[in-house]
Amino acid sequence: MELTLGPILFDWKREEVLGFYERVAEMPVDRVYLGEVVCVKRGLRPEDLSAIGSRLRDAGKEVVLSSLAVVSNEEELDLVRAIARLPFPVEANDMSLFNMVQGKEVVAGPHITTYNVPSIDYLRGLGVKRVVFPVELSRDSMAYNIQHTGIEAEVFAHGKVPLAFSWRCYTSRAYGLKKSNCRYDCRRFPDGMVVKSVDGEPLFTVNGTSILSALTYTLVEFVEDLKEIGVKALRVSPQASGTEEIVHIFRERIEGRLGPEEGLERIRKTAEMGLCNGWYLGREGKGYYSPTGLLQREEQGR
């Protein structure tokens, strides 16, 4: 089973991003996704992505360039076109990319709605060999899709869950601005702006034009189950601090050097707002369920 590192979803300073990828070169990940998924106004320039990608490839990593999840104007199309021209495989998070690539490996990203067998078969007809399943897809749906298509499957296994994207910028609106007069306020929140209920419960994370979960989604206890249903790769989504530790935990879990409970205990220390995994089990997204607890409840039900 492979371990991959997803694209940075938040707006970090340029020097922070460059320093992060210098460390990534030494991390035990097999594949690295680079690029801007959320907003055309931020992220590295295409020439920076090319240089970073080349260094990571020299370090033995597979490199894939990720595209925007929402493409709604010419500026955003220009960024997608620039990504498509670089000499790396690409991750499509919007169908527009498929019109720009020929003879190049294309991964269907988690924001392409590959919920079922017909959608996967359609993408396979376009040459897609790997699908990153949508974050809300349950374990049983993943297993069914893998069994009936044979697709190479990657799963979002750790990080704040991307829930929605918009043309409008939520962060700018929080400061009384519009997207057109952005002041890059996203950079004040390297892991996003957490929104809480009136009772103080963490609800969502505001991140520019996107909304994510406040809690950190993790499948660290389900690595064996993911292997069993045929998942090819697990994705870790970068966060401002602790990414190296998270990567090492998942690598040890994949290699069987760390048990589920020990892995969860270490992962908890990296998640400031708490953990969730309910969607994997077809339950409410903000819930957390351990394999041990589920087995106990099933036995009691019998």
C-alpha atoms as a PDB file:
ATOM      1  CA  MET A   1       0.000   0.000   0.000  1.00  0.00           C
ATOM      2  CA  GLU A   2       1.292   3.450  -0.970  1.00  0.00           C
ATOM      3  CA  LEU A   3       1.356   6.554   1.186  1.00  0.00           C
ATOM      4  CA  THR A   4       0.727   9.866  -0.554  1.00  0.00           C
ATOM      5  CA  LEU A   5       0.841  13.516   0.471  1.00  0.00           C
ATOM      6  CA  GLY A   6      -1.995  15.649  -0.854  1.00  0.00           C
ATOM      7  CA  PRO A   7      -1.724  19.257  -2.052  1.00  0.00           C
ATOM      8  CA  ILE A   8      -1.532  22.025   0.547  1.00  0.00           C
ATOM      9  CA  LEU A   9      -5.117  23.245   0.941  1.00  0.00           C
ATOM     10  CA  PHE A  10      -4.294  26.371   2.972  1.00  0.00           C
ATOM     11  CA  ASP A  11      -2.564  29.653   2.157  1.00  0.00           C
ATOM     12  CA  TRP A  12       0.959  29.534   3.551  1.00  0.00           C
ATOM     13  CA  LYS A  13       3.704  32.062   2.980  1.00  0.00           C
ATOM     14  CA  ARG A  14       5.980  31.309   0.054  1.00  0.00           C
ATOM     15  CA  GLU A  15       9.026  30.619   2.227  1.00  0.00           C
ATOM     16  CA  GLU A  16       6.957  28.267   4.404  1.00  0.00           C
ATOM     17  CA  VAL A  17       5.820  26.287   1.370  1.00  0.00           C
ATOM     18  CA  LEU A  18       9.346  26.018  -0.039  1.00  0.00           C
ATOM     19  CA  GLY A  19      10.726  24.935   3.345  1.00  0.00           C
ATOM     20  CA  PHE A  20       7.923  22.394   3.733  1.00  0.00           C
ATOM     21  CA  TYR A  21       8.733  20.683   0.438  1.00  0.00           C
ATOM     22  CA  GLU A  22      12.419  20.537   1.317  1.00  0.00           C
ATOM     23  CA  ARG A  23      11.348  18.427   4.314  1.00  0.00           C
ATOM     24  CA  VAL A  24       8.905  16.405   2.212  1.00  0.00           C
ATOM     25  CA  ALA A  25      11.844  15.166   0.145  1.00  0.00           C
ATOM     26  CA  GLU A  26      12.971  13.281   3.269  1.00  0.00           C
ATOM     27  CA  MET A  27       9.515  12.027   4.325  1.00  0.00           C
ATOM     28  CA  PRO A  28       8.556   8.360   3.758  1.00  0.00           C
ATOM     29  CA  VAL A  29       5.835   9.093   1.187  1.00  0.00           C
ATOM     30  CA  ASP A  30       5.625   7.484  -2.228  1.00  0.00           C
ATOM     31  CA  ARG A  31       3.726  10.181  -4.116  1.00  0.00           C
ATOM     32  CA  VAL A  32       3.372  13.953  -3.660  1.00  0.00           C
ATOM     33  CA  TYR A  33       0.568  16.108  -5.073  1.00  0.00           C
ATOM     34  CA  LEU A  34       1.538  19.732  -5.755  1.00  0.00           C
ATOM     35  CA  GLY A  35      -0.577  22.684  -6.774  1.00  0.00           C
ATOM     36  CA  GLU A  36      -3.413  25.021  -5.873  1.00  0.00           C
ATOM     37  CA  VAL A  37      -6.847  23.465  -5.404  1.00  0.00           C
ATOM     38  CA  VAL A  38      -8.732  26.291  -3.666  1.00  0.00           C
ATOM     39  CA  CYS A  39      -7.988  29.773  -5.050  1.00  0.00           C
ATOM     40  CA  VAL A  40      -6.209  31.144  -8.134  1.00  0.00           C
ATOM     41  CA  LYS A  41      -5.028  34.182  -6.150  1.00  0.00           C
ATOM     42  CA  ARG A  42      -2.688  32.149  -3.991  1.00  0.00           C
ATOM     43  CA  GLY A  43      -0.222  29.288  -4.269  1.00  0.00           C
ATOM     44  CA  LEU A  44       3.070  28.907  -6.100  1.00  0.00           C
ATOM     45  CA  ARG A  45       3.714  29.916  -9.684  1.00  0.00           C
ATOM     46  CA  PRO A  46       3.887  27.154 -12.323  1.00  0.00           C
ATOM     47  CA  GLU A  47       7.656  27.581 -12.617  1.00  0.00           C
ATOM     48  CA  ASP A  48       7.968  27.045  -8.843  1.00  0.00           C
ATOM     49  CA  LEU A  49       5.883  23.876  -9.081  1.00  0.00           C
ATOM     50  CA  SER A  50       8.108  22.627 -11.881  1.00  0.00           C
ATOM     51  CA  ALA A  51      11.277  23.222  -9.836  1.00  0.00           C
ATOM     52  CA  ILE A  52       9.853  21.648  -6.668  1.00  0.00           C
ATOM     53  CA  GLY A  53       8.474  18.714  -8.629  1.00  0.00           C
ATOM     54  CA  SER A  54      11.844  18.055 -10.230  1.00  0.00           C
ATOM     55  CA  ARG A  55      13.605  18.081  -6.846  1.00  0.00           C
ATOM     56  CA  LEU A  56      11.031  15.726  -5.333  1.00  0.00           C
ATOM     57  CA  ARG A  57      11.292  13.406  -8.331  1.00  0.00           C
ATOM     58  CA  ASP A  58      15.075  13.369  -7.904  1.00  0.00           C
ATOM     59  CA  ALA A  59      14.444  12.368  -4.275  1.00  0.00           C
ATOM     60  CA  GLY A  60      12.535   9.302  -5.479  1.00  0.00           C
ATOM     61  CA  LYS A  61       8.959  10.599  -5.162  1.00  0.00           C
ATOM     62  CA  GLU A  62       6.235  10.310  -7.759  1.00  0.00           C
ATOM     63  CA  VAL A  63       4.957  13.830  -8.438  1.00  0.00           C
ATOM     64  CA  VAL A  64       1.447  14.777  -9.562  1.00  0.00           C
ATOM     65  CA  LEU A  65       0.159  18.328 -10.150  1.00  0.00           C
ATOM     66  CA  SER A  66      -3.289  19.096  -8.712  1.00  0.00           C
ATOM     67  CA  SER A  67      -5.746  21.440 -10.408  1.00  0.00           C
ATOM     68  CA  LEU A  68      -8.381  23.840  -9.059  1.00  0.00           C
ATOM     69  CA  ALA A  69     -11.631  22.369  -7.761  1.00  0.00           C
ATOM     70  CA  VAL A  70     -13.695  25.265  -9.169  1.00  0.00           C
ATOM     71  CA  VAL A  71     -12.895  26.778 -12.574  1.00  0.00           C
ATOM     72  CA  SER A  72     -15.230  29.674 -13.398  1.00  0.00           C
ATOM     73  CA  ASN A  73     -13.263  32.346 -15.301  1.00  0.00           C
ATOM     74  CA  GLU A  74     -10.393  32.867 -17.727  1.00  0.00           C
ATOM     75  CA  GLU A  75      -7.800  33.497 -15.005  1.00  0.00           C
ATOM     76  CA  GLU A  76      -8.586  30.131 -13.438  1.00  0.00           C
ATOM     77  CA  LEU A  77      -8.534  28.434 -16.840  1.00  0.00           C
ATOM     78  CA  ASP A  78      -5.111  29.936 -17.498  1.00  0.00           C
ATOM     79  CA  LEU A  79      -3.788  28.350 -14.298  1.00  0.00           C
ATOM     80  CA  VAL A  80      -5.204  24.965 -15.284  1.00  0.00           C
ATOM     81  CA  ARG A  81      -3.662  25.288 -18.760  1.00  0.00           C
ATOM     82  CA  ALA A  82      -0.279  26.134 -17.212  1.00  0.00           C
ATOM     83  CA  ILE A  83      -0.479  23.053 -14.977  1.00  0.00           C
ATOM     84  CA  ALA A  84      -1.379  20.862 -17.937  1.00  0.00           C
ATOM     85  CA  ARG A  85       1.713  22.034 -19.858  1.00  0.00           C
ATOM     86  CA  LEU A  86       4.194  21.004 -17.162  1.00  0.00           C
ATOM     87  CA  PRO A  87       5.943  17.618 -17.587  1.00  0.00           C
ATOM     88  CA  PHE A  88       4.148  15.779 -14.766  1.00  0.00           C
ATOM     89  CA  PRO A  89       1.009  13.678 -14.371  1.00  0.00           C
ATOM     90  CA  VAL A  90      -2.010  15.716 -13.267  1.00  0.00           C
ATOM     91  CA  GLU A  91      -4.837  15.360 -10.759  1.00  0.00           C
ATOM     92  CA  ALA A  92      -8.131  16.654 -12.172  1.00  0.00           C
ATOM     93  CA  ASN A  93     -10.383  18.237  -9.552  1.00  0.00           C
ATOM     94  CA  ASP A  94     -12.604  19.786 -12.236  1.00  0.00           C
ATOM     95  CA  MET A  95     -13.595  18.256 -15.570  1.00  0.00           C
ATOM     96  CA  SER A  96     -12.106  21.180 -17.525  1.00  0.00           C
ATOM     97  CA  LEU A  97      -8.641  19.635 -17.242  1.00  0.00           C
ATOM     98  CA  PHE A  98      -9.642  16.656 -19.376  1.00  0.00           C
ATOM     99  CA  ASN A  99      -9.913  18.953 -22.404  1.00  0.00           C
ATOM    100  CA  MET A 100      -6.296  20.061 -22.014  1.00  0.00           C
ATOM    101  CA  VAL A 101      -4.306  16.850 -21.610  1.00  0.00           C
ATOM    102  CA  GLN A 102      -3.505  14.184 -24.170  1.00  0.00           C
ATOM    103  CA  GLY A 103      -1.193  11.269 -23.652  1.00  0.00           C
ATOM    104  CA  LYS A 104      -0.625  12.240 -20.019  1.00  0.00           C
ATOM    105  CA  GLU A 105      -1.486  10.330 -16.847  1.00  0.00           C
ATOM    106  CA  VAL A 106      -4.584  11.826 -15.217  1.00  0.00           C
ATOM    107  CA  VAL A 107      -5.786  11.043 -11.693  1.00  0.00           C
ATOM    108  CA  ALA A 108      -9.419  11.775 -10.851  1.00  0.00           C
ATOM    109  CA  GLY A 109      -9.147  13.818  -7.645  1.00  0.00           C
ATOM    110  CA  PRO A 110     -11.465  13.727  -4.602  1.00  0.00           C
ATOM    111  CA  HIS A 111     -13.568  16.610  -5.973  1.00  0.00           C
ATOM    112  CA  ILE A 112     -14.618  14.652  -9.062  1.00  0.00           C
ATOM    113  CA  THR A 113     -17.843  12.828  -8.164  1.00  0.00           C
ATOM    114  CA  THR A 114     -16.778   9.205  -8.592  1.00  0.00           C
ATOM    115  CA  TYR A 115     -19.528   7.822  -6.390  1.00  0.00           C
ATOM    116  CA  ASN A 116     -20.474   4.788  -8.439  1.00  0.00           C
ATOM    117  CA  VAL A 117     -19.460   2.252 -11.066  1.00  0.00           C
ATOM    118  CA  PRO A 118     -20.845   4.114 -14.140  1.00  0.00           C
ATOM    119  CA  SER A 119     -18.949   7.309 -13.241  1.00  0.00           C
ATOM    120  CA  ILE A 120     -15.710   5.384 -12.773  1.00  0.00           C
ATOM    121  CA  ASP A 121     -16.222   3.455 -16.010  1.00  0.00           C
ATOM    122  CA  TYR A 122     -16.750   6.757 -17.839  1.00  0.00           C
ATOM    123  CA  LEU A 123     -13.476   8.166 -16.491  1.00  0.00           C
ATOM    124  CA  ARG A 124     -11.645   4.952 -17.335  1.00  0.00           C
ATOM    125  CA  GLY A 125     -12.838   5.495 -20.903  1.00  0.00           C
ATOM    126  CA  LEU A 126     -10.999   8.836 -20.803  1.00  0.00           C
ATOM    127  CA  GLY A 127      -7.799   7.096 -19.708  1.00  0.00           C
ATOM    128  CA  VAL A 128      -8.060   7.519 -15.923  1.00  0.00           C
ATOM    129  CA  LYS A 129      -6.363   4.673 -14.053  1.00  0.00           C
ATOM    130  CA  ARG A 130      -6.492   6.056 -10.500  1.00  0.00           C
ATOM    131  CA  VAL A 131      -9.388   7.579  -8.585  1.00  0.00           C
ATOM    132  CA  VAL A 132      -9.180   9.426  -5.263  1.00  0.00           C
ATOM    133  CA  PHE A 133     -12.611   8.684  -3.836  1.00  0.00           C
ATOM    134  CA  PRO A 134     -14.802  11.589  -2.660  1.00  0.00           C
ATOM    135  CA  VAL A 135     -14.307  12.178   1.055  1.00  0.00           C
ATOM    136  CA  GLU A 136     -17.938  11.394   1.973  1.00  0.00           C
ATOM    137  CA  LEU A 137     -17.954   7.956   0.333  1.00  0.00           C
ATOM    138  CA  SER A 138     -18.476   5.092   2.776  1.00  0.00           C
ATOM    139  CA  ARG A 139     -16.304   2.047   3.190  1.00  0.00           C
ATOM    140  CA  ASP A 140     -18.937  -0.249   1.678  1.00  0.00           C
ATOM    141  CA  SER A 141     -19.310   1.978  -1.404  1.00  0.00           C
ATOM    142  CA  MET A 142     -15.556   2.070  -1.876  1.00  0.00           C
ATOM    143  CA  ALA A 143     -15.333  -1.704  -1.632  1.00  0.00           C
ATOM    144  CA  TYR A 144     -18.160  -2.173  -4.155  1.00  0.00           C
ATOM    145  CA  ASN A 145     -16.630   0.263  -6.653  1.00  0.00           C
ATOM    146  CA  ILE A 146     -13.185  -1.325  -6.422  1.00  0.00           C
ATOM    147  CA  GLN A 147     -14.614  -4.828  -6.787  1.00  0.00           C
ATOM    148  CA  HIS A 148     -16.734  -3.967  -9.840  1.00  0.00           C
ATOM    149  CA  THR A 149     -14.290  -1.720 -11.724  1.00  0.00           C
ATOM    150  CA  GLY A 150     -10.796  -2.828 -10.704  1.00  0.00           C
ATOM    151  CA  ILE A 151      -9.852   0.859 -10.489  1.00  0.00           C
ATOM    152  CA  GLU A 152      -6.663   1.880  -8.695  1.00  0.00           C
ATOM    153  CA  ALA A 153      -8.133   3.522  -5.591  1.00  0.00           C
ATOM    154  CA  GLU A 154      -6.675   6.200  -3.330  1.00  0.00           C
ATOM    155  CA  VAL A 155      -8.441   7.332  -0.144  1.00  0.00           C
ATOM    156  CA  PHE A 156      -8.273  10.599   1.794  1.00  0.00           C
ATOM    157  CA  ALA A 157      -7.095   9.100   5.089  1.00  0.00           C
ATOM    158  CA  HIS A 158      -6.102  12.071   7.258  1.00  0.00           C
ATOM    159  CA  GLY A 159      -6.741  15.797   7.420  1.00  0.00           C
ATOM    160  CA  LYS A 160      -9.480  18.394   7.634  1.00  0.00           C
ATOM    161  CA  VAL A 161     -12.148  17.274   5.179  1.00  0.00           C
ATOM    162  CA  PRO A 162     -12.927  19.552   2.200  1.00  0.00           C
ATOM    163  CA  LEU A 163     -16.715  19.936   2.260  1.00  0.00           C
ATOM    164  CA  ALA A 164     -17.649  22.668  -0.223  1.00  0.00           C
ATOM    165  CA  PHE A 165     -16.224  25.196  -2.675  1.00  0.00           C
ATOM    166  CA  SER A 166     -17.619  28.507  -3.861  1.00  0.00           C
ATOM    167  CA  TRP A 167     -16.706  31.277  -6.291  1.00  0.00           C
ATOM    168  CA  ARG A 168     -17.017  33.710  -3.346  1.00  0.00           C
ATOM    169  CA  CYS A 169     -14.346  34.004  -0.674  1.00  0.00           C
ATOM    170  CA  TYR A 170     -15.608  33.335   2.847  1.00  0.00           C
ATOM    171  CA  THR A 171     -12.447  34.643   4.509  1.00  0.00           C
ATOM    172  CA  SER A 172     -12.577  37.976   2.687  1.00  0.00           C
ATOM    173  CA  ARG A 173     -16.260  38.356   3.599  1.00  0.00           C
ATOM    174  CA  ALA A 174     -15.366  37.796   7.261  1.00  0.00           C
ATOM    175  CA  TYR A 175     -13.255  40.958   6.963  1.00  0.00           C
ATOM    176  CA  GLY A 176     -15.921  42.916   5.075  1.00  0.00           C
ATOM    177  CA  LEU A 177     -14.257  42.455   1.678  1.00  0.00           C
ATOM    178  CA  LYS A 178     -15.019  40.764  -1.625  1.00  0.00           C
ATOM    179  CA  LYS A 179     -12.879  38.268  -3.495  1.00  0.00           C
ATOM    180  CA  SER A 180     -11.988  40.989  -6.022  1.00  0.00           C
ATOM    181  CA  ASN A 181     -10.283  43.134  -3.341  1.00  0.00           C
ATOM    182  CA  CYS A 182      -8.663  40.258  -1.459  1.00  0.00           C
ATOM    183  CA  ARG A 183      -6.005  41.188   1.118  1.00  0.00           C
ATOM    184  CA  TYR A 184      -4.770  37.591   1.518  1.00  0.00           C
ATOM    185  CA  ASP A 185      -6.296  37.309   4.989  1.00  0.00           C
ATOM    186  CA  CYS A 186      -6.169  33.510   4.568  1.00  0.00           C
ATOM    187  CA  ARG A 187      -2.500  33.700   5.529  1.00  0.00           C
ATOM    188  CA  ARG A 188      -3.524  34.671   9.046  1.00  0.00           C
ATOM    189  CA  PHE A 189      -4.912  31.147   9.421  1.00  0.00           C
ATOM    190  CA  PRO A 190      -2.396  28.502   8.259  1.00  0.00           C
ATOM    191  CA  ASP A 191      -4.875  25.738   9.170  1.00  0.00           C
ATOM    192  CA  GLY A 192      -8.001  27.750   8.327  1.00  0.00           C
ATOM    193  CA  MET A 193     -10.379  29.853  10.425  1.00  0.00           C
ATOM    194  CA  VAL A 194     -12.378  27.631  12.796  1.00  0.00           C
ATOM    195  CA  VAL A 195     -16.086  28.462  13.163  1.00  0.00           C
ATOM    196  CA  LYS A 196     -17.783  27.393  16.398  1.00  0.00           C
ATOM    197  CA  SER A 197     -21.389  27.170  17.519  1.00  0.00           C
ATOM    198  CA  VAL A 198     -22.814  29.475  20.218  1.00  0.00           C
ATOM    199  CA  ASP A 199     -22.033  26.644  22.650  1.00  0.00           C
ATOM    200  CA  GLY A 200     -18.383  26.629  21.622  1.00  0.00           C
ATOM    201  CA  GLU A 201     -18.516  23.425  19.581  1.00  0.00           C
ATOM    202  CA  PRO A 202     -16.128  23.429  16.558  1.00  0.00           C
ATOM    203  CA  LEU A 203     -18.275  23.181  13.421  1.00  0.00           C
ATOM    204  CA  PHE A 204     -16.374  24.162  10.272  1.00  0.00           C
ATOM    205  CA  THR A 205     -13.103  25.577   9.011  1.00  0.00           C
ATOM    206  CA  VAL A 206     -13.277  28.607   6.711  1.00  0.00           C
ATOM    207  CA  ASN A 207     -10.493  28.554   4.131  1.00  0.00           C
ATOM    208  CA  GLY A 208     -10.895  31.208   1.451  1.00  0.00           C
ATOM    209  CA  THR A 209     -13.389  29.911  -1.114  1.00  0.00           C
ATOM    210  CA  SER A 210     -13.697  26.547   0.628  1.00  0.00           C
ATOM    211  CA  ILE A 211     -15.268  25.119   3.761  1.00  0.00           C
ATOM    212  CA  LEU A 212     -13.685  22.186   5.577  1.00  0.00           C
ATOM    213  CA  SER A 213     -14.477  20.225   8.702  1.00  0.00           C
ATOM    214  CA  ALA A 214     -13.318  21.675  12.018  1.00  0.00           C
ATOM    215  CA  LEU A 215     -12.373  18.191  13.217  1.00  0.00           C
ATOM    216  CA  THR A 216      -9.561  16.190  11.656  1.00  0.00           C
ATOM    217  CA  TYR A 217     -10.735  13.164   9.691  1.00  0.00           C
ATOM    218  CA  THR A 218      -8.539  10.122  10.221  1.00  0.00           C
ATOM    219  CA  LEU A 219      -8.620   6.467   9.216  1.00  0.00           C
ATOM    220  CA  VAL A 220      -5.506   5.578  11.203  1.00  0.00           C
ATOM    221  CA  GLU A 221      -7.334   2.706  12.942  1.00  0.00           C
ATOM    222  CA  PHE A 222      -8.683   1.270   9.671  1.00  0.00           C
ATOM    223  CA  VAL A 223      -5.502   0.679   7.668  1.00  0.00           C
ATOM    224  CA  GLU A 224      -5.932  -3.108   7.718  1.00  0.00           C
ATOM    225  CA  ASP A 225      -9.561  -2.786   6.633  1.00  0.00           C
ATOM    226  CA  LEU A 226      -8.603  -0.451   3.791  1.00  0.00           C
ATOM    227  CA  LYS A 227      -6.027  -2.974   2.594  1.00  0.00           C
ATOM    228  CA  GLU A 228      -8.633  -5.721   2.752  1.00  0.00           C
ATOM    229  CA  ILE A 229     -11.092  -3.930   0.462  1.00  0.00           C
ATOM    230  CA  GLY A 230      -8.345  -3.286  -2.101  1.00  0.00           C
ATOM    231  CA  VAL A 231      -7.364   0.354  -1.547  1.00  0.00           C
ATOM    232  CA  LYS A 232      -4.055   1.072  -3.280  1.00  0.00           C
ATOM    233  CA  ALA A 233      -2.984   4.290  -1.484  1.00  0.00           C
ATOM    234  CA  LEU A 234      -3.719   6.421   1.578  1.00  0.00           C
ATOM    235  CA  ARG A 235      -3.541  10.224   1.408  1.00  0.00           C
ATOM    236  CA  VAL A 236      -2.376  12.536   4.185  1.00  0.00           C
ATOM    237  CA  SER A 237      -3.439  16.178   3.761  1.00  0.00           C
ATOM    238  CA  PRO A 238      -0.728  18.625   4.937  1.00  0.00           C
ATOM    239  CA  GLN A 239      -1.275  20.803   8.002  1.00  0.00           C
ATOM    240  CA  ALA A 240       0.784  23.708   9.322  1.00  0.00           C
ATOM    241  CA  SER A 241       2.544  21.610  11.974  1.00  0.00           C
ATOM    242  CA  GLY A 242       2.820  17.924  12.719  1.00  0.00           C
ATOM    243  CA  THR A 243       2.691  16.631   9.136  1.00  0.00           C
ATOM    244  CA  GLU A 244       5.999  14.784   9.465  1.00  0.00           C
ATOM    245  CA  GLU A 245       4.774  12.958  12.569  1.00  0.00           C
ATOM    246  CA  ILE A 246       1.484  12.042  10.883  1.00  0.00           C
ATOM    247  CA  VAL A 247       3.312  10.689   7.832  1.00  0.00           C
ATOM    248  CA  HIS A 248       5.551   8.543  10.018  1.00  0.00           C
ATOM    249  CA  ILE A 249       2.550   7.195  11.951  1.00  0.00           C
ATOM    250  CA  PHE A 250       0.781   6.135   8.755  1.00  0.00           C
ATOM    251  CA  ARG A 251       3.961   4.624   7.325  1.00  0.00           C
ATOM    252  CA  GLU A 252       4.390   2.539  10.479  1.00  0.00           C
ATOM    253  CA  ARG A 253       0.730   1.514  10.355  1.00  0.00           C
ATOM    254  CA  ILE A 254       0.985   0.460   6.694  1.00  0.00           C
ATOM    255  CA  GLU A 255       4.106  -1.572   7.396  1.00  0.00           C
ATOM    256  CA  GLY A 256       2.564  -3.222  10.466  1.00  0.00           C
ATOM    257  CA  ARG A 257       5.068  -1.739  12.917  1.00  0.00           C
ATOM    258  CA  LEU A 258       2.382   0.156  14.829  1.00  0.00           C
ATOM    259  CA  GLY A 259      -0.990  -1.073  16.048  1.00  0.00           C
ATOM    260  CA  PRO A 260      -4.339   0.721  15.623  1.00  0.00           C
ATOM    261  CA  GLU A 261      -4.680   1.891  19.221  1.00  0.00           C
ATOM    262  CA  GLU A 262      -1.083   3.115  19.435  1.00  0.00           C
ATOM    263  CA  GLY A 263      -1.487   4.917  16.125  1.00  0.00           C
ATOM    264  CA  LEU A 264      -4.657   6.633  17.327  1.00  0.00           C
ATOM    265  CA  GLU A 265      -3.013   7.696  20.571  1.00  0.00           C
ATOM    266  CA  ARG A 266      -0.188   9.398  18.654  1.00  0.00           C
ATOM    267  CA  ILE A 267      -2.503  10.929  16.046  1.00  0.00           C
ATOM    268  CA  ARG A 268      -4.696  12.537  18.740  1.00  0.00           C
ATOM    269  CA  LYS A 269      -1.741  14.690  19.803  1.00  0.00           C
ATOM    270  CA  THR A 270      -1.592  16.289  16.338  1.00  0.00           C
ATOM    271  CA  ALA A 271      -5.317  17.207  16.091  1.00  0.00           C
ATOM    272  CA  GLU A 272      -6.103  20.341  18.069  1.00  0.00           C
ATOM    273  CA  MET A 273      -9.883  20.268  17.525  1.00  0.00           C
ATOM    274  CA  GLY A 274     -10.402  16.515  17.794  1.00  0.00           C
ATOM    275  CA  LEU A 275     -11.001  13.655  15.374  1.00  0.00           C
ATOM    276  CA  CYS A 276     -13.807  12.285  13.213  1.00  0.00           C
ATOM    277  CA  ASN A 277     -14.298   9.364  10.814  1.00  0.00           C
ATOM    278  CA  GLY A 278     -18.066   8.807  10.637  1.00  0.00           C
ATOM    279  CA  TRP A 279     -18.398   9.020   6.863  1.00  0.00           C
ATOM    280  CA  TYR A 280     -16.152   6.015   6.335  1.00  0.00           C
ATOM    281  CA  LEU A 281     -18.643   3.933   8.301  1.00  0.00           C
ATOM    282  CA  GLY A 282     -21.719   5.452   6.683  1.00  0.00           C
ATOM    283  CA  ARG A 283     -22.554   7.465   9.794  1.00  0.00           C
ATOM    284  CA  GLU A 284     -22.666  11.132  10.748  1.00  0.00           C
ATOM    285  CA  GLY A 285     -19.501  12.807   9.567  1.00  0.00           C
ATOM    286  CA  LYS A 286     -18.490  14.447  12.834  1.00  0.00           C
ATOM    287  CA  GLY A 287     -18.587  11.209  14.835  1.00  0.00           C
ATOM    288  CA  TYR A 288     -15.559   9.108  15.700  1.00  0.00           C
ATOM    289  CA  TYR A 289     -15.885   5.314  15.838  1.00  0.00           C
ATOM    290  CA  SER A 290     -13.070   2.903  16.646  1.00  0.00           C
ATOM    291  CA  PRO A 291     -12.994  -0.630  15.172  1.00  0.00           C
ATOM    292  CA  THR A 292     -12.900  -2.075  18.700  1.00  0.00           C
ATOM    293  CA  GLY A 293     -16.019  -0.207  19.776  1.00  0.00           C
ATOM    294  CA  LEU A 294     -17.904  -1.227  16.647  1.00  0.00           C
ATOM    295  CA  LEU A 295     -17.079  -4.884  17.145  1.00  0.00           C
ATOM    296  CA  GLN A 296     -18.192  -4.732  20.780  1.00  0.00           C
ATOM    297  CA  ARG A 297     -21.534  -3.149  19.840  1.00  0.00           C
ATOM    298  CA  GLU A 298     -22.110  -5.756  17.113  1.00  0.00           C
ATOM    299  CA  GLU A 299     -21.504  -8.590  19.589  1.00  0.00           C
ATOM    300  CA  GLN A 300     -23.915  -7.005  22.084  1.00  0.00           C
ATOM    301  CA  GLY A 301     -26.512  -6.660  19.318  1.00  0.00           C
ATOM    302  CA  ARG A 302     -26.414 -10.406  18.689  1.00  0.00           C
END
